[in-house]
Amino acid sequence: MLILRPVTAQDLDDLLELASQLDSVNLPRDRDYLAERIALSERSFAAVRGELEVDWRECAYLFVMEDRAAGRCVGTSQILAKTGRPEAPFFWLEVSSEERWSSELRKRFVHKKLRLRSTVDGPTEVGGLILDPGYRAHPQKCGKALSIVRFAFISAHPERFERQLIAEMLSPFDAHGRNQLWEAFGARFTDLPYREADHLSGRTKQFIADLFPEDPVYVTLFPEEVQKAIGASAESAKAAVRILEEIGFQPLNQVDPFDGGPYYGAARDAVVSVRERRELVLPGKPRARALSEAKTLALLSTEVRGAFRATVVPLDDEGAPVVSAECREALGVRSGDRVSVTPLP
């Protein structure tokens, strides 16, 4: 059985292995950084339980998917409660258009422009979704579960998150790990390779404000292949994009200042998985039903006895969760406990 739960310090090696598949600013392949992120996640979940006093704006919640039979973590996803604070501004490139017309030449041009923007009062960000390739066709719909668990948690604790949510999608890289936009733009102003700049931004973003141009940059001046890469999602990110679009996220006119990956956004309370989560009391009698036989699957989550746990269960024809004895044991729940049900898209 696969369960979703908060990360712990014992998961560091598994998390490092997963991070090596993505190596992003939110989840870099850096043992020290990941150890710090695990510690922050543990403090954040403790604050939700009322065990610690932590400013909600500084919290980060890191979920892992554990294969209980294999005894290892096979996936991860996370929530950054707030991006953009006075001590750590949030930066993005605003994408806009400028129309020019020459009556003399009888020619019209529409130029795309990029302009660095920042805020110290930014949205909540969901990201860091990684799944071991061997679990992508699993009957428990692992990718969807890793994505939706974030919104189920946000729905249960809306006071700890902003009203606007964003998600950054990874952009394409070539076979040598190079990014088209960074090579044409960011590297020219920082004299840094992409990975070094991306990892540095996980700790400080001051160099972005210091070195990136303040004036708009015309995309027309870039080679055609660079222009096409701006705002494009990597092939590996397209499944994640489809899930987000199904629950209400839409593309924004914003891209990441490093790789040009697109940002998607949505109002928190308009997201289907936030809005449709419902609570119920677990019935007395366990039931079993194969996931493959169910028309609809849902994420069953609980925070009883202070521990967040979730797993995928089938819904019956009346929309009620079918919760087996094995599932109850894995989640640590019993009859009469309150649980939440969030349909998978």
C-alpha atoms as a PDB file:
ATOM      1  CA  MET A   1       0.000   0.000   0.000  1.00  0.00           C
ATOM      2  CA  LEU A   2       1.093   3.560  -0.732  1.00  0.00           C
ATOM      3  CA  ILE A   3       0.458   6.346   1.763  1.00  0.00           C
ATOM      4  CA  LEU A   4       1.129  10.077   1.735  1.00  0.00           C
ATOM      5  CA  ARG A   5       2.548  11.658   4.863  1.00  0.00           C
ATOM      6  CA  PRO A   6       4.795  14.518   6.021  1.00  0.00           C
ATOM      7  CA  VAL A   7       8.498  14.022   5.415  1.00  0.00           C
ATOM      8  CA  THR A   8      10.762  13.043   8.340  1.00  0.00           C
ATOM      9  CA  ALA A   9      14.503  13.230   8.907  1.00  0.00           C
ATOM     10  CA  GLN A  10      14.737   9.474   8.187  1.00  0.00           C
ATOM     11  CA  ASP A  11      13.604  10.167   4.603  1.00  0.00           C
ATOM     12  CA  LEU A  12      16.656  12.261   3.685  1.00  0.00           C
ATOM     13  CA  ASP A  13      18.405   9.630   1.538  1.00  0.00           C
ATOM     14  CA  ASP A  14      15.186   8.821  -0.339  1.00  0.00           C
ATOM     15  CA  LEU A  15      14.475  12.518  -0.826  1.00  0.00           C
ATOM     16  CA  LEU A  16      17.976  13.136  -2.163  1.00  0.00           C
ATOM     17  CA  GLU A  17      17.490  10.343  -4.694  1.00  0.00           C
ATOM     18  CA  LEU A  18      14.152  11.804  -5.812  1.00  0.00           C
ATOM     19  CA  ALA A  19      15.571  15.337  -5.976  1.00  0.00           C
ATOM     20  CA  SER A  20      18.278  14.149  -8.361  1.00  0.00           C
ATOM     21  CA  GLN A  21      15.530  13.535 -10.940  1.00  0.00           C
ATOM     22  CA  LEU A  22      14.442  17.198 -10.923  1.00  0.00           C
ATOM     23  CA  ASP A  23      17.164  19.283  -9.224  1.00  0.00           C
ATOM     24  CA  SER A  24      14.982  22.391  -9.058  1.00  0.00           C
ATOM     25  CA  VAL A  25      15.193  25.496  -6.892  1.00  0.00           C
ATOM     26  CA  ASN A  26      12.363  24.145  -4.702  1.00  0.00           C
ATOM     27  CA  LEU A  27      13.928  20.707  -4.385  1.00  0.00           C
ATOM     28  CA  PRO A  28      17.621  20.826  -5.318  1.00  0.00           C
ATOM     29  CA  ARG A  29      20.023  17.894  -5.264  1.00  0.00           C
ATOM     30  CA  ASP A  30      21.750  19.289  -2.185  1.00  0.00           C
ATOM     31  CA  ARG A  31      21.876  17.203   1.006  1.00  0.00           C
ATOM     32  CA  ASP A  32      22.361  20.147   3.358  1.00  0.00           C
ATOM     33  CA  TYR A  33      19.549  22.155   1.763  1.00  0.00           C
ATOM     34  CA  LEU A  34      17.204  19.157   1.841  1.00  0.00           C
ATOM     35  CA  ALA A  35      18.015  18.514   5.504  1.00  0.00           C
ATOM     36  CA  GLU A  36      17.105  22.142   6.246  1.00  0.00           C
ATOM     37  CA  ARG A  37      13.891  21.841   4.216  1.00  0.00           C
ATOM     38  CA  ILE A  38      12.916  18.653   6.075  1.00  0.00           C
ATOM     39  CA  ALA A  39      13.493  20.406   9.407  1.00  0.00           C
ATOM     40  CA  LEU A  40      11.378  23.377   8.251  1.00  0.00           C
ATOM     41  CA  SER A  41       8.604  21.027   7.122  1.00  0.00           C
ATOM     42  CA  GLU A  42       8.641  19.248  10.475  1.00  0.00           C
ATOM     43  CA  ARG A  43       8.358  22.600  12.294  1.00  0.00           C
ATOM     44  CA  SER A  44       5.552  23.669   9.944  1.00  0.00           C
ATOM     45  CA  PHE A  45       3.450  20.565  10.580  1.00  0.00           C
ATOM     46  CA  ALA A  46       4.145  20.903  14.318  1.00  0.00           C
ATOM     47  CA  ALA A  47       2.804  24.466  14.150  1.00  0.00           C
ATOM     48  CA  VAL A  48      -0.414  23.198  12.539  1.00  0.00           C
ATOM     49  CA  ARG A  49      -0.796  20.768  15.433  1.00  0.00           C
ATOM     50  CA  GLY A  50      -0.275  23.619  17.900  1.00  0.00           C
ATOM     51  CA  GLU A  51       3.015  22.241  19.205  1.00  0.00           C
ATOM     52  CA  LEU A  52       5.175  25.186  18.068  1.00  0.00           C
ATOM     53  CA  GLU A  53       4.792  28.890  17.375  1.00  0.00           C
ATOM     54  CA  VAL A  54       5.862  29.456  13.757  1.00  0.00           C
ATOM     55  CA  ASP A  55       4.872  32.368  11.506  1.00  0.00           C
ATOM     56  CA  TRP A  56       2.603  30.742   8.908  1.00  0.00           C
ATOM     57  CA  ARG A  57       4.250  32.827   6.166  1.00  0.00           C
ATOM     58  CA  GLU A  58       7.573  31.068   6.749  1.00  0.00           C
ATOM     59  CA  CYS A  59       6.159  27.545   6.610  1.00  0.00           C
ATOM     60  CA  ALA A  60       6.822  24.882   3.974  1.00  0.00           C
ATOM     61  CA  TYR A  61       5.017  21.550   3.905  1.00  0.00           C
ATOM     62  CA  LEU A  62       6.795  18.638   2.276  1.00  0.00           C
ATOM     63  CA  PHE A  63       4.802  15.477   1.577  1.00  0.00           C
ATOM     64  CA  VAL A  64       6.240  12.103   0.621  1.00  0.00           C
ATOM     65  CA  MET A  65       4.591   9.042  -0.867  1.00  0.00           C
ATOM     66  CA  GLU A  66       5.781   5.930   0.939  1.00  0.00           C
ATOM     67  CA  ASP A  67       5.609   2.425  -0.457  1.00  0.00           C
ATOM     68  CA  ARG A  68       5.066   0.569   2.811  1.00  0.00           C
ATOM     69  CA  ALA A  69       5.951  -2.809   1.313  1.00  0.00           C
ATOM     70  CA  ALA A  70       9.207  -1.552  -0.182  1.00  0.00           C
ATOM     71  CA  GLY A  71      10.005   0.615   2.843  1.00  0.00           C
ATOM     72  CA  ARG A  72      10.961   3.701   0.845  1.00  0.00           C
ATOM     73  CA  CYS A  73       9.651   7.013  -0.460  1.00  0.00           C
ATOM     74  CA  VAL A  74       8.749   6.986  -4.139  1.00  0.00           C
ATOM     75  CA  GLY A  75       7.369  10.492  -4.614  1.00  0.00           C
ATOM     76  CA  THR A  76       7.176  13.954  -3.152  1.00  0.00           C
ATOM     77  CA  SER A  77       5.339  17.281  -3.443  1.00  0.00           C
ATOM     78  CA  GLN A  78       5.273  20.458  -1.387  1.00  0.00           C
ATOM     79  CA  ILE A  79       3.571  23.723  -0.493  1.00  0.00           C
ATOM     80  CA  LEU A  80       5.399  26.987   0.181  1.00  0.00           C
ATOM     81  CA  ALA A  81       2.949  28.924   2.344  1.00  0.00           C
ATOM     82  CA  LYS A  82       4.094  32.269   0.976  1.00  0.00           C
ATOM     83  CA  THR A  83       6.498  33.280  -1.772  1.00  0.00           C
ATOM     84  CA  GLY A  84       7.652  36.869  -1.560  1.00  0.00           C
ATOM     85  CA  ARG A  85       8.406  38.374   1.827  1.00  0.00           C
ATOM     86  CA  PRO A  86      10.439  41.484   2.771  1.00  0.00           C
ATOM     87  CA  GLU A  87      13.484  39.342   3.532  1.00  0.00           C
ATOM     88  CA  ALA A  88      13.019  37.161   0.416  1.00  0.00           C
ATOM     89  CA  PRO A  89      11.257  38.882  -2.525  1.00  0.00           C
ATOM     90  CA  PHE A  90       9.563  36.824  -5.212  1.00  0.00           C
ATOM     91  CA  PHE A  91      10.838  37.539  -8.752  1.00  0.00           C
ATOM     92  CA  TRP A  92       9.319  36.710 -12.118  1.00  0.00           C
ATOM     93  CA  LEU A  93       9.449  37.893 -15.717  1.00  0.00           C
ATOM     94  CA  GLU A  94       6.268  39.573 -16.880  1.00  0.00           C
ATOM     95  CA  VAL A  95       5.387  38.681 -20.475  1.00  0.00           C
ATOM     96  CA  SER A  96       3.676  41.447 -22.424  1.00  0.00           C
ATOM     97  CA  SER A  97       3.216  42.572 -26.025  1.00  0.00           C
ATOM     98  CA  GLU A  98       3.844  45.823 -27.853  1.00  0.00           C
ATOM     99  CA  GLU A  99       2.259  46.556 -31.216  1.00  0.00           C
ATOM    100  CA  ARG A 100       4.101  48.750 -33.739  1.00  0.00           C
ATOM    101  CA  TRP A 101       2.819  49.995 -37.104  1.00  0.00           C
ATOM    102  CA  SER A 102       4.621  51.781 -39.917  1.00  0.00           C
ATOM    103  CA  SER A 103       2.277  53.627 -42.275  1.00  0.00           C
ATOM    104  CA  GLU A 104       5.212  54.274 -44.577  1.00  0.00           C
ATOM    105  CA  LEU A 105       6.144  50.593 -44.876  1.00  0.00           C
ATOM    106  CA  ARG A 106       2.584  49.358 -44.387  1.00  0.00           C
ATOM    107  CA  LYS A 107       3.881  46.832 -41.879  1.00  0.00           C
ATOM    108  CA  ARG A 108       2.649  45.808 -38.466  1.00  0.00           C
ATOM    109  CA  PHE A 109       4.750  44.119 -35.798  1.00  0.00           C
ATOM    110  CA  VAL A 110       3.803  42.667 -32.424  1.00  0.00           C
ATOM    111  CA  HIS A 111       6.816  42.345 -30.164  1.00  0.00           C
ATOM    112  CA  LYS A 112       6.852  40.173 -27.051  1.00  0.00           C
ATOM    113  CA  LYS A 113       8.636  41.729 -24.086  1.00  0.00           C
ATOM    114  CA  LEU A 114      10.041  40.433 -20.807  1.00  0.00           C
ATOM    115  CA  ARG A 115      10.304  42.642 -17.749  1.00  0.00           C
ATOM    116  CA  LEU A 116      11.610  41.721 -14.315  1.00  0.00           C
ATOM    117  CA  ARG A 117       8.993  42.122 -11.606  1.00  0.00           C
ATOM    118  CA  SER A 118       9.056  41.422  -7.878  1.00  0.00           C
ATOM    119  CA  THR A 119       6.875  41.490  -4.790  1.00  0.00           C
ATOM    120  CA  VAL A 120       7.371  41.163  -1.043  1.00  0.00           C
ATOM    121  CA  ASP A 121       3.737  40.066  -0.621  1.00  0.00           C
ATOM    122  CA  GLY A 122       3.378  37.076  -2.894  1.00  0.00           C
ATOM    123  CA  PRO A 123       1.085  34.037  -3.242  1.00  0.00           C
ATOM    124  CA  THR A 124       1.249  30.471  -1.959  1.00  0.00           C
ATOM    125  CA  GLU A 125       3.246  28.212  -4.280  1.00  0.00           C
ATOM    126  CA  VAL A 126       2.711  24.507  -4.915  1.00  0.00           C
ATOM    127  CA  GLY A 127       5.585  22.601  -6.469  1.00  0.00           C
ATOM    128  CA  GLY A 128       8.291  20.009  -6.001  1.00  0.00           C
ATOM    129  CA  LEU A 129       6.221  17.179  -7.501  1.00  0.00           C
ATOM    130  CA  ILE A 130       8.452  14.208  -8.303  1.00  0.00           C
ATOM    131  CA  LEU A 131       7.429  10.599  -8.830  1.00  0.00           C
ATOM    132  CA  ASP A 132       9.678   7.577  -9.313  1.00  0.00           C
ATOM    133  CA  PRO A 133       9.148   6.514 -12.961  1.00  0.00           C
ATOM    134  CA  GLY A 134       8.322   2.971 -11.884  1.00  0.00           C
ATOM    135  CA  TYR A 135       5.113   4.210 -10.222  1.00  0.00           C
ATOM    136  CA  ARG A 136       3.672   6.285 -13.058  1.00  0.00           C
ATOM    137  CA  ALA A 137       1.212   3.577 -14.147  1.00  0.00           C
ATOM    138  CA  HIS A 138       0.294   2.495 -10.618  1.00  0.00           C
ATOM    139  CA  PRO A 139      -3.429   1.843  -9.977  1.00  0.00           C
ATOM    140  CA  GLN A 140      -3.349   4.333  -7.070  1.00  0.00           C
ATOM    141  CA  LYS A 141      -2.819   7.193  -9.565  1.00  0.00           C
ATOM    142  CA  CYS A 142       0.330   8.316  -7.778  1.00  0.00           C
ATOM    143  CA  GLY A 143       0.945  11.508  -9.761  1.00  0.00           C
ATOM    144  CA  LYS A 144      -2.578  12.768  -9.175  1.00  0.00           C
ATOM    145  CA  ALA A 145      -2.431  11.819  -5.494  1.00  0.00           C
ATOM    146  CA  LEU A 146       0.841  13.709  -4.995  1.00  0.00           C
ATOM    147  CA  SER A 147      -0.660  16.768  -6.652  1.00  0.00           C
ATOM    148  CA  ILE A 148      -4.066  16.703  -4.951  1.00  0.00           C
ATOM    149  CA  VAL A 149      -2.761  16.043  -1.418  1.00  0.00           C
ATOM    150  CA  ARG A 150      -1.494  19.633  -1.384  1.00  0.00           C
ATOM    151  CA  PHE A 151      -4.925  21.080  -2.112  1.00  0.00           C
ATOM    152  CA  ALA A 152      -6.643  18.781   0.384  1.00  0.00           C
ATOM    153  CA  PHE A 153      -4.284  20.109   3.054  1.00  0.00           C
ATOM    154  CA  ILE A 154      -4.788  23.722   1.963  1.00  0.00           C
ATOM    155  CA  SER A 155      -8.560  23.189   2.080  1.00  0.00           C
ATOM    156  CA  ALA A 156      -8.318  21.876   5.649  1.00  0.00           C
ATOM    157  CA  HIS A 157      -6.183  24.841   6.820  1.00  0.00           C
ATOM    158  CA  PRO A 158      -7.059  27.852   4.607  1.00  0.00           C
ATOM    159  CA  GLU A 159      -5.956  30.326   7.274  1.00  0.00           C
ATOM    160  CA  ARG A 160      -2.346  29.192   6.761  1.00  0.00           C
ATOM    161  CA  PHE A 161      -2.245  29.995   3.051  1.00  0.00           C
ATOM    162  CA  GLU A 162      -2.743  32.934   0.688  1.00  0.00           C
ATOM    163  CA  ARG A 163      -5.891  33.424  -1.368  1.00  0.00           C
ATOM    164  CA  GLN A 164      -3.868  33.113  -4.587  1.00  0.00           C
ATOM    165  CA  LEU A 165      -2.000  29.960  -5.574  1.00  0.00           C
ATOM    166  CA  ILE A 166       0.717  29.585  -8.196  1.00  0.00           C
ATOM    167  CA  ALA A 167       2.693  26.719  -9.672  1.00  0.00           C
ATOM    168  CA  GLU A 168       5.834  26.932 -11.785  1.00  0.00           C
ATOM    169  CA  MET A 169       6.354  24.403 -14.566  1.00  0.00           C
ATOM    170  CA  LEU A 170       9.811  23.266 -15.569  1.00  0.00           C
ATOM    171  CA  SER A 171      10.870  24.367 -19.055  1.00  0.00           C
ATOM    172  CA  PRO A 172      12.736  22.223 -21.623  1.00  0.00           C
ATOM    173  CA  PHE A 173      16.476  21.549 -21.296  1.00  0.00           C
ATOM    174  CA  ASP A 174      18.784  20.139 -23.941  1.00  0.00           C
ATOM    175  CA  ALA A 175      20.715  16.891 -23.688  1.00  0.00           C
ATOM    176  CA  HIS A 176      23.592  18.684 -21.963  1.00  0.00           C
ATOM    177  CA  GLY A 177      21.370  20.219 -19.297  1.00  0.00           C
ATOM    178  CA  ARG A 178      21.415  23.692 -20.828  1.00  0.00           C
ATOM    179  CA  ASN A 179      18.404  25.991 -20.911  1.00  0.00           C
ATOM    180  CA  GLN A 180      17.775  28.171 -23.962  1.00  0.00           C
ATOM    181  CA  LEU A 181      16.567  31.301 -22.147  1.00  0.00           C
ATOM    182  CA  TRP A 182      19.239  31.206 -19.476  1.00  0.00           C
ATOM    183  CA  GLU A 183      22.032  30.908 -22.036  1.00  0.00           C
ATOM    184  CA  ALA A 184      20.635  33.835 -24.061  1.00  0.00           C
ATOM    185  CA  PHE A 185      19.598  36.045 -21.160  1.00  0.00           C
ATOM    186  CA  GLY A 186      20.393  35.277 -17.526  1.00  0.00           C
ATOM    187  CA  ALA A 187      23.922  34.002 -18.091  1.00  0.00           C
ATOM    188  CA  ARG A 188      24.855  37.202 -19.933  1.00  0.00           C
ATOM    189  CA  PHE A 189      23.951  39.348 -16.919  1.00  0.00           C
ATOM    190  CA  THR A 190      25.235  37.116 -14.104  1.00  0.00           C
ATOM    191  CA  ASP A 191      28.124  35.192 -15.674  1.00  0.00           C
ATOM    192  CA  LEU A 192      26.833  32.090 -13.879  1.00  0.00           C
ATOM    193  CA  PRO A 193      25.917  28.643 -15.233  1.00  0.00           C
ATOM    194  CA  TYR A 194      22.248  27.793 -14.871  1.00  0.00           C
ATOM    195  CA  ARG A 195      22.528  25.204 -12.086  1.00  0.00           C
ATOM    196  CA  GLU A 196      24.736  27.421  -9.952  1.00  0.00           C
ATOM    197  CA  ALA A 197      22.367  30.382 -10.330  1.00  0.00           C
ATOM    198  CA  ASP A 198      19.286  28.238  -9.702  1.00  0.00           C
ATOM    199  CA  HIS A 199      20.740  26.709  -6.534  1.00  0.00           C
ATOM    200  CA  LEU A 200      21.963  30.101  -5.301  1.00  0.00           C
ATOM    201  CA  SER A 201      18.457  31.523  -5.678  1.00  0.00           C
ATOM    202  CA  GLY A 202      17.211  28.910  -3.208  1.00  0.00           C
ATOM    203  CA  ARG A 203      19.177  30.741  -0.496  1.00  0.00           C
ATOM    204  CA  THR A 204      19.289  34.337  -1.725  1.00  0.00           C
ATOM    205  CA  LYS A 205      17.755  36.226  -4.635  1.00  0.00           C
ATOM    206  CA  GLN A 206      19.520  39.540  -4.127  1.00  0.00           C
ATOM    207  CA  PHE A 207      21.777  38.944  -7.123  1.00  0.00           C
ATOM    208  CA  ILE A 208      18.677  38.931  -9.351  1.00  0.00           C
ATOM    209  CA  ALA A 209      17.727  42.446  -8.256  1.00  0.00           C
ATOM    210  CA  ASP A 210      21.342  43.588  -8.515  1.00  0.00           C
ATOM    211  CA  LEU A 211      22.227  42.203 -11.945  1.00  0.00           C
ATOM    212  CA  PHE A 212      19.124  41.591 -14.066  1.00  0.00           C
ATOM    213  CA  PRO A 213      18.084  44.502 -16.324  1.00  0.00           C
ATOM    214  CA  GLU A 214      15.289  46.717 -15.000  1.00  0.00           C
ATOM    215  CA  ASP A 215      14.124  47.822 -18.454  1.00  0.00           C
ATOM    216  CA  PRO A 216      11.996  45.595 -20.733  1.00  0.00           C
ATOM    217  CA  VAL A 217      13.863  43.152 -22.964  1.00  0.00           C
ATOM    218  CA  TYR A 218      12.473  42.503 -26.452  1.00  0.00           C
ATOM    219  CA  VAL A 219      12.161  38.787 -27.136  1.00  0.00           C
ATOM    220  CA  THR A 220      12.429  39.613 -30.852  1.00  0.00           C
ATOM    221  CA  LEU A 221      16.175  40.048 -30.326  1.00  0.00           C
ATOM    222  CA  PHE A 222      16.588  36.418 -29.237  1.00  0.00           C
ATOM    223  CA  PRO A 223      17.160  33.525 -31.678  1.00  0.00           C
ATOM    224  CA  GLU A 224      13.951  31.841 -32.824  1.00  0.00           C
ATOM    225  CA  GLU A 225      14.576  28.683 -30.771  1.00  0.00           C
ATOM    226  CA  VAL A 226      14.893  30.812 -27.614  1.00  0.00           C
ATOM    227  CA  GLN A 227      11.663  32.639 -28.405  1.00  0.00           C
ATOM    228  CA  LYS A 228       9.812  29.318 -28.751  1.00  0.00           C
ATOM    229  CA  ALA A 229      11.170  28.050 -25.421  1.00  0.00           C
ATOM    230  CA  ILE A 230       9.831  30.980 -23.371  1.00  0.00           C
ATOM    231  CA  GLY A 231       6.700  29.872 -21.553  1.00  0.00           C
ATOM    232  CA  ALA A 232       6.968  26.281 -22.821  1.00  0.00           C
ATOM    233  CA  SER A 233       6.690  23.330 -20.410  1.00  0.00           C
ATOM    234  CA  ALA A 234       9.099  20.406 -20.447  1.00  0.00           C
ATOM    235  CA  GLU A 235       7.652  17.134 -21.695  1.00  0.00           C
ATOM    236  CA  SER A 236       8.024  15.672 -18.187  1.00  0.00           C
ATOM    237  CA  ALA A 237       5.881  18.495 -16.756  1.00  0.00           C
ATOM    238  CA  LYS A 238       2.912  18.155 -19.104  1.00  0.00           C
ATOM    239  CA  ALA A 239       1.087  15.584 -16.992  1.00  0.00           C
ATOM    240  CA  ALA A 240       1.344  17.919 -13.982  1.00  0.00           C
ATOM    241  CA  VAL A 241       0.021  20.786 -16.125  1.00  0.00           C
ATOM    242  CA  ARG A 242      -3.005  18.729 -17.187  1.00  0.00           C
ATOM    243  CA  ILE A 243      -3.869  17.942 -13.568  1.00  0.00           C
ATOM    244  CA  LEU A 244      -3.633  21.608 -12.576  1.00  0.00           C
ATOM    245  CA  GLU A 245      -5.764  22.701 -15.523  1.00  0.00           C
ATOM    246  CA  GLU A 246      -8.420  20.112 -14.635  1.00  0.00           C
ATOM    247  CA  ILE A 247      -8.829  21.609 -11.171  1.00  0.00           C
ATOM    248  CA  GLY A 248      -8.925  25.245 -12.291  1.00  0.00           C
ATOM    249  CA  PHE A 249      -5.384  26.574 -12.794  1.00  0.00           C
ATOM    250  CA  GLN A 250      -4.751  28.803 -15.804  1.00  0.00           C
ATOM    251  CA  PRO A 251      -1.533  30.085 -17.403  1.00  0.00           C
ATOM    252  CA  LEU A 252      -0.367  33.494 -16.236  1.00  0.00           C
ATOM    253  CA  ASN A 253       1.596  36.056 -18.235  1.00  0.00           C
ATOM    254  CA  GLN A 254       4.596  35.206 -16.098  1.00  0.00           C
ATOM    255  CA  VAL A 255       7.660  33.012 -16.541  1.00  0.00           C
ATOM    256  CA  ASP A 256      10.536  32.010 -14.316  1.00  0.00           C
ATOM    257  CA  PRO A 257      13.485  34.430 -14.639  1.00  0.00           C
ATOM    258  CA  PHE A 258      15.950  31.545 -14.909  1.00  0.00           C
ATOM    259  CA  ASP A 259      14.521  28.953 -17.281  1.00  0.00           C
ATOM    260  CA  GLY A 260      11.466  30.698 -18.744  1.00  0.00           C
ATOM    261  CA  GLY A 261       9.120  28.023 -17.407  1.00  0.00           C
ATOM    262  CA  PRO A 262       5.479  29.168 -17.269  1.00  0.00           C
ATOM    263  CA  TYR A 263       3.558  30.022 -14.112  1.00  0.00           C
ATOM    264  CA  TYR A 264      -0.001  28.804 -13.629  1.00  0.00           C
ATOM    265  CA  GLY A 265      -2.338  30.339 -11.078  1.00  0.00           C
ATOM    266  CA  ALA A 266      -5.748  30.107  -9.463  1.00  0.00           C
ATOM    267  CA  ALA A 267      -7.782  31.603  -6.661  1.00  0.00           C
ATOM    268  CA  ARG A 268      -7.454  29.253  -3.690  1.00  0.00           C
ATOM    269  CA  ASP A 269     -11.154  28.825  -2.997  1.00  0.00           C
ATOM    270  CA  ALA A 270     -11.984  28.324  -6.684  1.00  0.00           C
ATOM    271  CA  VAL A 271      -9.704  25.289  -7.060  1.00  0.00           C
ATOM    272  CA  VAL A 272     -11.894  22.218  -7.483  1.00  0.00           C
ATOM    273  CA  SER A 273      -9.828  20.101  -5.064  1.00  0.00           C
ATOM    274  CA  VAL A 274     -10.039  22.807  -2.405  1.00  0.00           C
ATOM    275  CA  ARG A 275     -13.734  23.439  -2.899  1.00  0.00           C
ATOM    276  CA  GLU A 276     -14.900  19.827  -3.148  1.00  0.00           C
ATOM    277  CA  ARG A 277     -13.083  18.325  -0.171  1.00  0.00           C
ATOM    278  CA  ARG A 278     -15.666  17.041   2.306  1.00  0.00           C
ATOM    279  CA  GLU A 279     -15.452  15.657   5.812  1.00  0.00           C
ATOM    280  CA  LEU A 280     -17.265  12.607   7.134  1.00  0.00           C
ATOM    281  CA  VAL A 281     -17.184  10.123   9.975  1.00  0.00           C
ATOM    282  CA  LEU A 282     -15.582   6.795   9.141  1.00  0.00           C
ATOM    283  CA  PRO A 283     -18.256   4.083   9.166  1.00  0.00           C
ATOM    284  CA  GLY A 284     -17.985   1.068  11.389  1.00  0.00           C
ATOM    285  CA  LYS A 285     -17.564  -1.746   8.892  1.00  0.00           C
ATOM    286  CA  PRO A 286     -14.508  -2.015   6.610  1.00  0.00           C
ATOM    287  CA  ARG A 287     -15.191  -2.690   2.943  1.00  0.00           C
ATOM    288  CA  ALA A 288     -12.936  -3.799   0.128  1.00  0.00           C
ATOM    289  CA  ARG A 289     -13.085  -2.957  -3.562  1.00  0.00           C
ATOM    290  CA  ALA A 290     -10.427  -3.097  -6.267  1.00  0.00           C
ATOM    291  CA  LEU A 291      -9.263   0.288  -7.493  1.00  0.00           C
ATOM    292  CA  SER A 292      -9.562  -0.947 -11.072  1.00  0.00           C
ATOM    293  CA  GLU A 293     -13.294  -1.599 -10.594  1.00  0.00           C
ATOM    294  CA  ALA A 294     -14.122   1.914  -9.375  1.00  0.00           C
ATOM    295  CA  LYS A 295     -15.323   4.645 -11.720  1.00  0.00           C
ATOM    296  CA  THR A 296     -14.021   7.330  -9.375  1.00  0.00           C
ATOM    297  CA  LEU A 297     -11.030   7.462  -7.046  1.00  0.00           C
ATOM    298  CA  ALA A 298     -10.510   9.852  -4.171  1.00  0.00           C
ATOM    299  CA  LEU A 299      -7.858  10.881  -1.704  1.00  0.00           C
ATOM    300  CA  LEU A 300      -8.812   9.844   1.820  1.00  0.00           C
ATOM    301  CA  SER A 301      -6.927  11.934   4.391  1.00  0.00           C
ATOM    302  CA  THR A 302      -6.949  12.299   8.141  1.00  0.00           C
ATOM    303  CA  GLU A 303      -5.222  14.220  10.906  1.00  0.00           C
ATOM    304  CA  VAL A 304      -6.583  12.238  13.841  1.00  0.00           C
ATOM    305  CA  ARG A 305      -4.196  11.731  16.743  1.00  0.00           C
ATOM    306  CA  GLY A 306      -1.984  14.512  15.378  1.00  0.00           C
ATOM    307  CA  ALA A 307      -0.629  12.702  12.335  1.00  0.00           C
ATOM    308  CA  PHE A 308      -1.509  13.647   8.753  1.00  0.00           C
ATOM    309  CA  ARG A 309      -1.946  10.605   6.539  1.00  0.00           C
ATOM    310  CA  ALA A 310      -3.610  10.048   3.167  1.00  0.00           C
ATOM    311  CA  THR A 311      -4.098   7.338   0.569  1.00  0.00           C
ATOM    312  CA  VAL A 312      -6.154   6.674  -2.556  1.00  0.00           C
ATOM    313  CA  VAL A 313      -9.435   4.787  -2.182  1.00  0.00           C
ATOM    314  CA  PRO A 314     -12.284   3.912  -4.563  1.00  0.00           C
ATOM    315  CA  LEU A 315     -15.701   5.546  -4.263  1.00  0.00           C
ATOM    316  CA  ASP A 316     -18.850   3.455  -4.487  1.00  0.00           C
ATOM    317  CA  ASP A 317     -21.764   4.229  -6.804  1.00  0.00           C
ATOM    318  CA  GLU A 318     -23.189   6.648  -4.236  1.00  0.00           C
ATOM    319  CA  GLY A 319     -19.911   8.545  -3.840  1.00  0.00           C
ATOM    320  CA  ALA A 320     -18.970   7.083  -0.453  1.00  0.00           C
ATOM    321  CA  PRO A 321     -15.353   5.990   0.153  1.00  0.00           C
ATOM    322  CA  VAL A 322     -14.647   2.273   0.261  1.00  0.00           C
ATOM    323  CA  VAL A 323     -12.178   1.935   3.144  1.00  0.00           C
ATOM    324  CA  SER A 324     -10.625  -1.472   3.699  1.00  0.00           C
ATOM    325  CA  ALA A 325      -9.158  -2.811   6.936  1.00  0.00           C
ATOM    326  CA  GLU A 326      -5.672  -2.516   5.424  1.00  0.00           C
ATOM    327  CA  CYS A 327      -6.308   1.140   4.574  1.00  0.00           C
ATOM    328  CA  ARG A 328      -7.538   1.886   8.096  1.00  0.00           C
ATOM    329  CA  GLU A 329      -4.450   0.295   9.584  1.00  0.00           C
ATOM    330  CA  ALA A 330      -2.135   2.237   7.264  1.00  0.00           C
ATOM    331  CA  LEU A 331      -3.794   5.566   8.101  1.00  0.00           C
ATOM    332  CA  GLY A 332      -4.146   4.782  11.804  1.00  0.00           C
ATOM    333  CA  VAL A 333      -7.895   5.421  11.812  1.00  0.00           C
ATOM    334  CA  ARG A 334     -10.811   3.541  13.317  1.00  0.00           C
ATOM    335  CA  SER A 335     -14.583   3.700  13.222  1.00  0.00           C
ATOM    336  CA  GLY A 336     -15.958   7.069  14.309  1.00  0.00           C
ATOM    337  CA  ASP A 337     -12.836   9.057  13.335  1.00  0.00           C
ATOM    338  CA  ARG A 338     -13.250  12.095  11.127  1.00  0.00           C
ATOM    339  CA  VAL A 339     -11.687  11.783   7.662  1.00  0.00           C
ATOM    340  CA  SER A 340     -11.662  13.947   4.521  1.00  0.00           C
ATOM    341  CA  VAL A 341     -12.482  12.865   0.979  1.00  0.00           C
ATOM    342  CA  THR A 342     -11.107  14.757  -2.023  1.00  0.00           C
ATOM    343  CA  PRO A 343     -12.005  13.359  -5.487  1.00  0.00           C
ATOM    344  CA  LEU A 344      -9.124  12.830  -7.890  1.00  0.00           C
ATOM    345  CA  PRO A 345      -9.527  14.580 -11.271  1.00  0.00           C
END
